[in-house]
Amino acid sequence: MRSISPMFDDAVIDCVARDRAPTVQELCHVAERIWTEGGTDRSAFRWGCLAPTDPDKVMSLRAAQVALLGS
């Protein structure tokens, strides 16, 4: 399913509507979008430079998981 709002990624709508778990790619994509849009001074290109244990990256991944699971 596709989102009619630019606020929500298509993956979020599809996962919630179909009650399915997200793929790893969907999880990473939504987490990157949350991280990038969460701060005006953040560059989307910097996401790949963050360490896997960076607190901001971990929090973005957790937020993406909650969004994609609909809870």
PDB file of N, CA and C in Angstrom:
ATOM      1  N   MET A   1       0.841  -1.176   0.000  1.00  0.00           N
ATOM      2  CA  MET A   1       0.000   0.000   0.000  1.00  0.00           C
ATOM      3  C   MET A   1       0.888   1.241   0.000  1.00  0.00           C
ATOM      4  N   ARG A   2       0.348   2.312  -0.537  1.00  0.00           N
ATOM      5  CA  ARG A   2       1.095   3.553  -0.616  1.00  0.00           C
ATOM      6  C   ARG A   2       0.484   4.590   0.324  1.00  0.00           C
ATOM      7  N   SER A   3       1.323   5.439   0.826  1.00  0.00           N
ATOM      8  CA  SER A   3       0.894   6.509   1.710  1.00  0.00           C
ATOM      9  C   SER A   3       0.375   7.687   0.894  1.00  0.00           C
ATOM     10  N   ILE A   4      -0.711   8.289   1.355  1.00  0.00           N
ATOM     11  CA  ILE A   4      -1.220   9.485   0.687  1.00  0.00           C
ATOM     12  C   ILE A   4      -0.625  10.739   1.323  1.00  0.00           C
ATOM     13  N   SER A   5       0.149  10.564   2.377  1.00  0.00           N
ATOM     14  CA  SER A   5       0.768  11.683   3.074  1.00  0.00           C
ATOM     15  C   SER A   5       2.289  11.584   2.977  1.00  0.00           C
ATOM     16  N   PRO A   6       2.957  12.684   2.663  1.00  0.00           N
ATOM     17  CA  PRO A   6       4.422  12.645   2.622  1.00  0.00           C
ATOM     18  C   PRO A   6       5.036  12.475   4.011  1.00  0.00           C
ATOM     19  N   MET A   7       4.215  12.613   5.048  1.00  0.00           N
ATOM     20  CA  MET A   7       4.715  12.473   6.407  1.00  0.00           C
ATOM     21  C   MET A   7       5.065  11.010   6.729  1.00  0.00           C
ATOM     22  N   PHE A   8       4.348  10.078   6.109  1.00  0.00           N
ATOM     23  CA  PHE A   8       4.550   8.659   6.402  1.00  0.00           C
ATOM     24  C   PHE A   8       5.164   7.947   5.211  1.00  0.00           C
ATOM     25  N   ASP A   9       6.176   7.175   5.491  1.00  0.00           N
ATOM     26  CA  ASP A   9       6.820   6.378   4.456  1.00  0.00           C
ATOM     27  C   ASP A   9       5.867   5.264   4.008  1.00  0.00           C
ATOM     28  N   ASP A  10       5.954   4.887   2.742  1.00  0.00           N
ATOM     29  CA  ASP A  10       5.098   3.818   2.216  1.00  0.00           C
ATOM     30  C   ASP A  10       5.256   2.524   3.013  1.00  0.00           C
ATOM     31  N   ALA A  11       6.467   2.253   3.458  1.00  0.00           N
ATOM     32  CA  ALA A  11       6.722   1.019   4.204  1.00  0.00           C
ATOM     33  C   ALA A  11       5.923   0.986   5.510  1.00  0.00           C
ATOM     34  N   VAL A  12       5.796   2.130   6.170  1.00  0.00           N
ATOM     35  CA  VAL A  12       5.033   2.185   7.426  1.00  0.00           C
ATOM     36  C   VAL A  12       3.574   1.825   7.160  1.00  0.00           C
ATOM     37  N   ILE A  13       2.996   2.433   6.144  1.00  0.00           N
ATOM     38  CA  ILE A  13       1.596   2.169   5.811  1.00  0.00           C
ATOM     39  C   ILE A  13       1.411   0.701   5.424  1.00  0.00           C
ATOM     40  N   ASP A  14       2.306   0.176   4.600  1.00  0.00           N
ATOM     41  CA  ASP A  14       2.178  -1.201   4.127  1.00  0.00           C
ATOM     42  C   ASP A  14       2.305  -2.210   5.266  1.00  0.00           C
ATOM     43  N   CYS A  15       3.293  -2.022   6.133  1.00  0.00           N
ATOM     44  CA  CYS A  15       3.493  -2.966   7.235  1.00  0.00           C
ATOM     45  C   CYS A  15       2.316  -2.972   8.199  1.00  0.00           C
ATOM     46  N   VAL A  16       1.816  -1.792   8.526  1.00  0.00           N
ATOM     47  CA  VAL A  16       0.695  -1.702   9.467  1.00  0.00           C
ATOM     48  C   VAL A  16      -0.580  -2.242   8.832  1.00  0.00           C
ATOM     49  N   ALA A  17      -0.842  -1.854   7.584  1.00  0.00           N
ATOM     50  CA  ALA A  17      -2.080  -2.275   6.916  1.00  0.00           C
ATOM     51  C   ALA A  17      -2.132  -3.783   6.695  1.00  0.00           C
ATOM     52  N   ARG A  18      -0.988  -4.363   6.398  1.00  0.00           N
ATOM     53  CA  ARG A  18      -0.949  -5.808   6.124  1.00  0.00           C
ATOM     54  C   ARG A  18      -0.562  -6.639   7.338  1.00  0.00           C
ATOM     55  N   ASP A  19      -0.330  -5.961   8.463  1.00  0.00           N
ATOM     56  CA  ASP A  19       0.065  -6.639   9.695  1.00  0.00           C
ATOM     57  C   ASP A  19       1.246  -7.577   9.459  1.00  0.00           C
ATOM     58  N   ARG A  20       2.298  -7.007   8.868  1.00  0.00           N
ATOM     59  CA  ARG A  20       3.484  -7.809   8.591  1.00  0.00           C
ATOM     60  C   ARG A  20       4.720  -7.153   9.179  1.00  0.00           C
ATOM     61  N   ALA A  21       5.713  -7.957   9.431  1.00  0.00           N
ATOM     62  CA  ALA A  21       6.982  -7.443   9.951  1.00  0.00           C
ATOM     63  C   ALA A  21       7.749  -6.748   8.825  1.00  0.00           C
ATOM     64  N   PRO A  22       8.504  -5.708   9.158  1.00  0.00           N
ATOM     65  CA  PRO A  22       9.274  -5.011   8.142  1.00  0.00           C
ATOM     66  C   PRO A  22      10.508  -5.808   7.725  1.00  0.00           C
ATOM     67  N   THR A  23      10.979  -5.543   6.525  1.00  0.00           N
ATOM     68  CA  THR A  23      12.258  -6.112   6.100  1.00  0.00           C
ATOM     69  C   THR A  23      13.367  -5.282   6.740  1.00  0.00           C
ATOM     70  N   VAL A  24      14.565  -5.804   6.716  1.00  0.00           N
ATOM     71  CA  VAL A  24      15.710  -5.065   7.248  1.00  0.00           C
ATOM     72  C   VAL A  24      15.896  -3.763   6.475  1.00  0.00           C
ATOM     73  N   GLN A  25      15.706  -3.814   5.159  1.00  0.00           N
ATOM     74  CA  GLN A  25      15.853  -2.618   4.334  1.00  0.00           C
ATOM     75  C   GLN A  25      14.824  -1.554   4.707  1.00  0.00           C
ATOM     76  N   GLU A  26      13.580  -1.975   4.936  1.00  0.00           N
ATOM     77  CA  GLU A  26      12.540  -1.031   5.331  1.00  0.00           C
ATOM     78  C   GLU A  26      12.861  -0.406   6.687  1.00  0.00           C
ATOM     79  N   LEU A  27      13.301  -1.230   7.621  1.00  0.00           N
ATOM     80  CA  LEU A  27      13.654  -0.746   8.947  1.00  0.00           C
ATOM     81  C   LEU A  27      14.762   0.298   8.862  1.00  0.00           C
ATOM     82  N   CYS A  28      15.810   0.002   8.114  1.00  0.00           N
ATOM     83  CA  CYS A  28      16.935   0.934   7.982  1.00  0.00           C
ATOM     84  C   CYS A  28      16.523   2.206   7.261  1.00  0.00           C
ATOM     85  N   HIS A  29      15.703   2.084   6.242  1.00  0.00           N
ATOM     86  CA  HIS A  29      15.253   3.253   5.487  1.00  0.00           C
ATOM     87  C   HIS A  29      14.426   4.190   6.368  1.00  0.00           C
ATOM     88  N   VAL A  30      13.482   3.637   7.110  1.00  0.00           N
ATOM     89  CA  VAL A  30      12.629   4.457   7.968  1.00  0.00           C
ATOM     90  C   VAL A  30      13.459   5.056   9.107  1.00  0.00           C
ATOM     91  N   ALA A  31      14.389   4.299   9.661  1.00  0.00           N
ATOM     92  CA  ALA A  31      15.249   4.822  10.731  1.00  0.00           C
ATOM     93  C   ALA A  31      16.093   5.987  10.220  1.00  0.00           C
ATOM     94  N   GLU A  32      16.636   5.853   9.028  1.00  0.00           N
ATOM     95  CA  GLU A  32      17.432   6.940   8.449  1.00  0.00           C
ATOM     96  C   GLU A  32      16.571   8.185   8.240  1.00  0.00           C
ATOM     97  N   ARG A  33      15.369   7.986   7.780  1.00  0.00           N
ATOM     98  CA  ARG A  33      14.462   9.130   7.570  1.00  0.00           C
ATOM     99  C   ARG A  33      14.112   9.800   8.896  1.00  0.00           C
ATOM    100  N   ILE A  34      13.845   9.006   9.926  1.00  0.00           N
ATOM    101  CA  ILE A  34      13.554   9.558  11.250  1.00  0.00           C
ATOM    102  C   ILE A  34      14.748  10.350  11.752  1.00  0.00           C
ATOM    103  N   TRP A  35      15.933   9.795  11.617  1.00  0.00           N
ATOM    104  CA  TRP A  35      17.148  10.459  12.089  1.00  0.00           C
ATOM    105  C   TRP A  35      17.411  11.747  11.324  1.00  0.00           C
ATOM    106  N   THR A  36      17.272  11.693  10.009  1.00  0.00           N
ATOM    107  CA  THR A  36      17.534  12.869   9.180  1.00  0.00           C
ATOM    108  C   THR A  36      16.534  13.985   9.449  1.00  0.00           C
ATOM    109  N   GLU A  37      15.254  13.633   9.536  1.00  0.00           N
ATOM    110  CA  GLU A  37      14.223  14.646   9.733  1.00  0.00           C
ATOM    111  C   GLU A  37      14.098  15.087  11.190  1.00  0.00           C
ATOM    112  N   GLY A  38      14.769  14.368  12.076  1.00  0.00           N
ATOM    113  CA  GLY A  38      14.707  14.693  13.499  1.00  0.00           C
ATOM    114  C   GLY A  38      15.570  15.865  13.909  1.00  0.00           C
ATOM    115  N   GLY A  39      16.435  16.313  13.046  1.00  0.00           N
ATOM    116  CA  GLY A  39      17.304  17.446  13.358  1.00  0.00           C
ATOM    117  C   GLY A  39      17.634  18.226  12.105  1.00  0.00           C
ATOM    118  N   THR A  40      17.490  19.519  12.168  1.00  0.00           N
ATOM    119  CA  THR A  40      17.714  20.338  10.979  1.00  0.00           C
ATOM    120  C   THR A  40      19.180  20.395  10.570  1.00  0.00           C
ATOM    121  N   ASP A  41      20.074  20.107  11.494  1.00  0.00           N
ATOM    122  CA  ASP A  41      21.497  20.181  11.190  1.00  0.00           C
ATOM    123  C   ASP A  41      22.088  18.841  10.736  1.00  0.00           C
ATOM    124  N   ARG A  42      21.249  17.860  10.530  1.00  0.00           N
ATOM    125  CA  ARG A  42      21.741  16.521  10.163  1.00  0.00           C
ATOM    126  C   ARG A  42      21.719  16.317   8.656  1.00  0.00           C
ATOM    127  N   SER A  43      22.791  15.784   8.147  1.00  0.00           N
ATOM    128  CA  SER A  43      22.872  15.448   6.733  1.00  0.00           C
ATOM    129  C   SER A  43      22.520  13.974   6.558  1.00  0.00           C
ATOM    130  N   ALA A  44      21.731  13.689   5.547  1.00  0.00           N
ATOM    131  CA  ALA A  44      21.367  12.296   5.269  1.00  0.00           C
ATOM    132  C   ALA A  44      22.602  11.459   4.969  1.00  0.00           C
ATOM    133  N   PHE A  45      23.646  12.092   4.491  1.00  0.00           N
ATOM    134  CA  PHE A  45      24.869  11.367   4.144  1.00  0.00           C
ATOM    135  C   PHE A  45      25.643  10.930   5.383  1.00  0.00           C
ATOM    136  N   ARG A  46      25.396  11.575   6.515  1.00  0.00           N
ATOM    137  CA  ARG A  46      26.121  11.239   7.743  1.00  0.00           C
ATOM    138  C   ARG A  46      25.594   9.965   8.403  1.00  0.00           C
ATOM    139  N   TRP A  47      24.391   9.544   8.070  1.00  0.00           N
ATOM    140  CA  TRP A  47      23.789   8.345   8.666  1.00  0.00           C
ATOM    141  C   TRP A  47      24.715   7.141   8.523  1.00  0.00           C
ATOM    142  N   GLY A  48      25.291   6.963   7.347  1.00  0.00           N
ATOM    143  CA  GLY A  48      26.178   5.828   7.095  1.00  0.00           C
ATOM    144  C   GLY A  48      27.479   5.882   7.863  1.00  0.00           C
ATOM    145  N   CYS A  49      27.831   7.043   8.392  1.00  0.00           N
ATOM    146  CA  CYS A  49      29.081   7.205   9.142  1.00  0.00           C
ATOM    147  C   CYS A  49      28.902   6.949  10.632  1.00  0.00           C
ATOM    148  N   LEU A  50      27.657   6.861  11.080  1.00  0.00           N
ATOM    149  CA  LEU A  50      27.411   6.628  12.503  1.00  0.00           C
ATOM    150  C   LEU A  50      27.774   5.199  12.879  1.00  0.00           C
ATOM    151  N   ALA A  51      28.358   5.053  14.052  1.00  0.00           N
ATOM    152  CA  ALA A  51      28.681   3.716  14.555  1.00  0.00           C
ATOM    153  C   ALA A  51      27.380   2.964  14.840  1.00  0.00           C
ATOM    154  N   PRO A  52      27.383   1.648  14.697  1.00  0.00           N
ATOM    155  CA  PRO A  52      26.170   0.867  14.970  1.00  0.00           C
ATOM    156  C   PRO A  52      25.639   1.058  16.395  1.00  0.00           C
ATOM    157  N   THR A  53      26.524   1.426  17.318  1.00  0.00           N
ATOM    158  CA  THR A  53      26.108   1.598  18.715  1.00  0.00           C
ATOM    159  C   THR A  53      25.857   3.058  19.082  1.00  0.00           C
ATOM    160  N   ASP A  54      25.922   3.962  18.107  1.00  0.00           N
ATOM    161  CA  ASP A  54      25.666   5.374  18.376  1.00  0.00           C
ATOM    162  C   ASP A  54      24.262   5.518  18.960  1.00  0.00           C
ATOM    163  N   PRO A  55      24.116   6.199  20.086  1.00  0.00           N
ATOM    164  CA  PRO A  55      22.794   6.315  20.729  1.00  0.00           C
ATOM    165  C   PRO A  55      21.709   6.888  19.812  1.00  0.00           C
ATOM    166  N   ASP A  56      22.056   7.858  18.980  1.00  0.00           N
ATOM    167  CA  ASP A  56      21.067   8.430  18.060  1.00  0.00           C
ATOM    168  C   ASP A  56      20.624   7.417  17.015  1.00  0.00           C
ATOM    169  N   LYS A  57      21.557   6.597  16.563  1.00  0.00           N
ATOM    170  CA  LYS A  57      21.217   5.575  15.564  1.00  0.00           C
ATOM    171  C   LYS A  57      20.339   4.496  16.190  1.00  0.00           C
ATOM    172  N   VAL A  58      20.706   4.065  17.375  1.00  0.00           N
ATOM    173  CA  VAL A  58      19.929   3.037  18.076  1.00  0.00           C
ATOM    174  C   VAL A  58      18.508   3.535  18.351  1.00  0.00           C
ATOM    175  N   MET A  59      18.392   4.796  18.791  1.00  0.00           N
ATOM    176  CA  MET A  59      17.067   5.348  19.076  1.00  0.00           C
ATOM    177  C   MET A  59      16.238   5.465  17.796  1.00  0.00           C
ATOM    178  N   SER A  60      16.861   5.844  16.698  1.00  0.00           N
ATOM    179  CA  SER A  60      16.145   5.942  15.421  1.00  0.00           C
ATOM    180  C   SER A  60      15.679   4.571  14.948  1.00  0.00           C
ATOM    181  N   LEU A  61      16.500   3.560  15.127  1.00  0.00           N
ATOM    182  CA  LEU A  61      16.110   2.199  14.740  1.00  0.00           C
ATOM    183  C   LEU A  61      14.951   1.699  15.598  1.00  0.00           C
ATOM    184  N   ARG A  62      14.983   2.023  16.878  1.00  0.00           N
ATOM    185  CA  ARG A  62      13.881   1.622  17.766  1.00  0.00           C
ATOM    186  C   ARG A  62      12.585   2.335  17.392  1.00  0.00           C
ATOM    187  N   ALA A  63      12.691   3.629  17.092  1.00  0.00           N
ATOM    188  CA  ALA A  63      11.508   4.393  16.693  1.00  0.00           C
ATOM    189  C   ALA A  63      10.942   3.858  15.372  1.00  0.00           C
ATOM    190  N   ALA A  64      11.826   3.492  14.454  1.00  0.00           N
ATOM    191  CA  ALA A  64      11.384   2.935  13.171  1.00  0.00           C
ATOM    192  C   ALA A  64      10.677   1.608  13.390  1.00  0.00           C
ATOM    193  N   GLN A  65      11.206   0.790  14.284  1.00  0.00           N
ATOM    194  CA  GLN A  65      10.577  -0.501  14.552  1.00  0.00           C
ATOM    195  C   GLN A  65       9.169  -0.312  15.127  1.00  0.00           C
ATOM    196  N   VAL A  66       9.021   0.617  16.040  1.00  0.00           N
ATOM    197  CA  VAL A  66       7.703   0.894  16.624  1.00  0.00           C
ATOM    198  C   VAL A  66       6.746   1.374  15.547  1.00  0.00           C
ATOM    199  N   ALA A  67       7.217   2.287  14.700  1.00  0.00           N
ATOM    200  CA  ALA A  67       6.361   2.822  13.623  1.00  0.00           C
ATOM    201  C   ALA A  67       5.939   1.717  12.651  1.00  0.00           C
ATOM    202  N   LEU A  68       6.887   0.884  12.262  1.00  0.00           N
ATOM    203  CA  LEU A  68       6.600  -0.153  11.285  1.00  0.00           C
ATOM    204  C   LEU A  68       5.720  -1.267  11.836  1.00  0.00           C
ATOM    205  N   LEU A  69       5.800  -1.509  13.127  1.00  0.00           N
ATOM    206  CA  LEU A  69       4.961  -2.541  13.740  1.00  0.00           C
ATOM    207  C   LEU A  69       3.613  -1.992  14.174  1.00  0.00           C
ATOM    208  N   GLY A  70       3.467  -0.676  14.127  1.00  0.00           N
ATOM    209  CA  GLY A  70       2.185  -0.065  14.471  1.00  0.00           C
ATOM    210  C   GLY A  70       1.884  -0.059  15.945  1.00  0.00           C
ATOM    211  N   SER A  71       2.923  -0.112  16.751  1.00  0.00           N
ATOM    212  CA  SER A  71       2.680  -0.070  18.213  1.00  0.00           C
ATOM    213  C   SER A  71       3.739   0.736  18.905  1.00  0.00           C
TER     214      SER A  71
END
